[in-house]
Amino acid sequence: LWLATLKGLLRFDGATFHRYLYSSDITNTLADMEVDGQGRVWLLNHFWRHSLRCFRRGQLVLAQAEVPALASLTVQAIRWDAAQQRLWLLAK
């Protein structure tokens, strides 16, 4: 279970909460969050310079590090389609 809070991103493993992402130099305000079939957490924040980030293996990375084609897009919404195993983006 993943939760977005004012203190950062939380993951509950069934017994313990684990907190990630809190940093005083960036905002933790999230507009959208999805978990894909590879266990990556995709985070959308309209205040970040590049709004879409990917959280994997305990690190927050820019989405274009995972998918280089995203570098030229401004993402507005994200959805994971489990049936088709695809991450859908609303972008301009």
C-alpha atoms as a PDB file:
ATOM      1  CA  LEU A   1       0.000   0.000   0.000  1.00  0.00           C
ATOM      2  CA  TRP A   2       1.409   3.408  -1.019  1.00  0.00           C
ATOM      3  CA  LEU A   3       0.243   6.680   0.542  1.00  0.00           C
ATOM      4  CA  ALA A   4       1.103  10.278  -0.344  1.00  0.00           C
ATOM      5  CA  THR A   5       1.295  12.534   2.718  1.00  0.00           C
ATOM      6  CA  LEU A   6       2.525  16.036   3.599  1.00  0.00           C
ATOM      7  CA  LYS A   7       5.630  14.403   5.114  1.00  0.00           C
ATOM      8  CA  GLY A   8       6.500  12.380   2.020  1.00  0.00           C
ATOM      9  CA  LEU A   9       5.648   9.051   0.449  1.00  0.00           C
ATOM     10  CA  LEU A  10       4.736   6.112   2.682  1.00  0.00           C
ATOM     11  CA  ARG A  11       4.725   2.399   1.888  1.00  0.00           C
ATOM     12  CA  PHE A  12       2.988  -0.048   4.194  1.00  0.00           C
ATOM     13  CA  ASP A  13       4.336  -3.602   3.864  1.00  0.00           C
ATOM     14  CA  GLY A  14       1.664  -5.210   6.043  1.00  0.00           C
ATOM     15  CA  ALA A  15       3.504  -4.626   9.320  1.00  0.00           C
ATOM     16  CA  THR A  16       5.490  -1.396   9.100  1.00  0.00           C
ATOM     17  CA  PHE A  17       5.258   2.006   7.423  1.00  0.00           C
ATOM     18  CA  HIS A  18       8.363   3.102   5.505  1.00  0.00           C
ATOM     19  CA  ARG A  19       8.743   6.807   4.649  1.00  0.00           C
ATOM     20  CA  TYR A  20      10.479   8.093   1.525  1.00  0.00           C
ATOM     21  CA  LEU A  21      11.058  11.397  -0.273  1.00  0.00           C
ATOM     22  CA  TYR A  22      10.863  14.001   2.456  1.00  0.00           C
ATOM     23  CA  SER A  23      13.250  16.797   1.554  1.00  0.00           C
ATOM     24  CA  SER A  24      13.118  20.456   2.524  1.00  0.00           C
ATOM     25  CA  ASP A  25      14.332  21.596  -0.922  1.00  0.00           C
ATOM     26  CA  ILE A  26      11.386  20.159  -2.919  1.00  0.00           C
ATOM     27  CA  THR A  27       7.679  20.120  -2.323  1.00  0.00           C
ATOM     28  CA  ASN A  28       6.047  16.794  -1.550  1.00  0.00           C
ATOM     29  CA  THR A  29       2.662  17.923  -2.890  1.00  0.00           C
ATOM     30  CA  LEU A  30       1.504  15.292  -5.374  1.00  0.00           C
ATOM     31  CA  ALA A  31      -1.100  15.733  -8.087  1.00  0.00           C
ATOM     32  CA  ASP A  32      -1.202  12.058  -9.085  1.00  0.00           C
ATOM     33  CA  MET A  33       0.412   8.722  -8.218  1.00  0.00           C
ATOM     34  CA  GLU A  34       0.372   5.291  -9.921  1.00  0.00           C
ATOM     35  CA  VAL A  35       2.244   2.007  -9.366  1.00  0.00           C
ATOM     36  CA  ASP A  36       3.090   0.072 -12.530  1.00  0.00           C
ATOM     37  CA  GLY A  37       3.565  -3.656 -13.134  1.00  0.00           C
ATOM     38  CA  GLN A  38       7.316  -3.399 -12.415  1.00  0.00           C
ATOM     39  CA  GLY A  39       6.685  -1.906  -8.959  1.00  0.00           C
ATOM     40  CA  ARG A  40       7.786   1.584  -9.985  1.00  0.00           C
ATOM     41  CA  VAL A  41       5.827   4.421  -8.384  1.00  0.00           C
ATOM     42  CA  TRP A  42       5.116   7.248 -10.831  1.00  0.00           C
ATOM     43  CA  LEU A  43       4.628  10.640  -9.166  1.00  0.00           C
ATOM     44  CA  LEU A  44       3.178  13.734 -10.795  1.00  0.00           C
ATOM     45  CA  ASN A  45       3.763  17.157  -9.255  1.00  0.00           C
ATOM     46  CA  HIS A  46       2.986  20.339 -11.172  1.00  0.00           C
ATOM     47  CA  PHE A  47       5.506  22.348  -9.103  1.00  0.00           C
ATOM     48  CA  TRP A  48       8.592  20.364 -10.148  1.00  0.00           C
ATOM     49  CA  ARG A  49      10.412  21.691 -13.210  1.00  0.00           C
ATOM     50  CA  HIS A  50       9.974  18.295 -14.879  1.00  0.00           C
ATOM     51  CA  SER A  51       6.673  17.254 -13.370  1.00  0.00           C
ATOM     52  CA  LEU A  52       6.801  13.460 -13.735  1.00  0.00           C
ATOM     53  CA  ARG A  53       9.146  11.483 -11.487  1.00  0.00           C
ATOM     54  CA  CYS A  54       9.639   7.767 -10.973  1.00  0.00           C
ATOM     55  CA  PHE A  55      10.404   6.219  -7.591  1.00  0.00           C
ATOM     56  CA  ARG A  56      12.224   2.895  -7.877  1.00  0.00           C
ATOM     57  CA  ARG A  57      14.605   0.983  -5.641  1.00  0.00           C
ATOM     58  CA  GLY A  58      14.415   3.719  -3.002  1.00  0.00           C
ATOM     59  CA  GLN A  59      15.341   6.608  -5.300  1.00  0.00           C
ATOM     60  CA  LEU A  60      13.403   9.403  -6.964  1.00  0.00           C
ATOM     61  CA  VAL A  61      14.452   9.896 -10.601  1.00  0.00           C
ATOM     62  CA  LEU A  62      13.219  12.035 -13.473  1.00  0.00           C
ATOM     63  CA  ALA A  63      10.820  10.137 -15.714  1.00  0.00           C
ATOM     64  CA  GLN A  64      12.985  10.664 -18.782  1.00  0.00           C
ATOM     65  CA  ALA A  65      15.679   8.581 -17.079  1.00  0.00           C
ATOM     66  CA  GLU A  66      13.210   5.668 -17.308  1.00  0.00           C
ATOM     67  CA  VAL A  67      11.615   6.719 -20.628  1.00  0.00           C
ATOM     68  CA  PRO A  68      13.762   9.196 -22.628  1.00  0.00           C
ATOM     69  CA  ALA A  69      10.883  10.137 -24.980  1.00  0.00           C
ATOM     70  CA  LEU A  70       9.196  11.950 -22.052  1.00  0.00           C
ATOM     71  CA  ALA A  71      11.806  14.737 -22.015  1.00  0.00           C
ATOM     72  CA  SER A  72       9.809  16.960 -24.377  1.00  0.00           C
ATOM     73  CA  LEU A  73       6.363  16.473 -22.776  1.00  0.00           C
ATOM     74  CA  THR A  74       4.471  18.251 -20.016  1.00  0.00           C
ATOM     75  CA  VAL A  75       2.511  15.505 -18.255  1.00  0.00           C
ATOM     76  CA  GLN A  76      -0.853  16.448 -16.733  1.00  0.00           C
ATOM     77  CA  ALA A  77      -2.218  13.080 -15.536  1.00  0.00           C
ATOM     78  CA  ILE A  78      -1.132   9.425 -15.276  1.00  0.00           C
ATOM     79  CA  ARG A  79      -3.038   6.121 -15.170  1.00  0.00           C
ATOM     80  CA  TRP A  80      -1.836   2.504 -14.973  1.00  0.00           C
ATOM     81  CA  ASP A  81      -3.780   0.045 -17.125  1.00  0.00           C
ATOM     82  CA  ALA A  82      -3.216  -3.341 -15.458  1.00  0.00           C
ATOM     83  CA  ALA A  83      -5.042  -5.276 -18.196  1.00  0.00           C
ATOM     84  CA  GLN A  84      -2.738  -3.966 -20.929  1.00  0.00           C
ATOM     85  CA  GLN A  85       0.298  -3.469 -18.655  1.00  0.00           C
ATOM     86  CA  ARG A  86       0.670   0.149 -19.821  1.00  0.00           C
ATOM     87  CA  LEU A  87       1.153   3.501 -18.201  1.00  0.00           C
ATOM     88  CA  TRP A  88      -1.060   6.105 -19.883  1.00  0.00           C
ATOM     89  CA  LEU A  89      -0.114   9.780 -19.816  1.00  0.00           C
ATOM     90  CA  LEU A  90      -2.187  12.858 -20.521  1.00  0.00           C
ATOM     91  CA  ALA A  91       0.413  15.253 -21.887  1.00  0.00           C
ATOM     92  CA  LYS A  92       0.894  18.300 -24.039  1.00  0.00           C
END
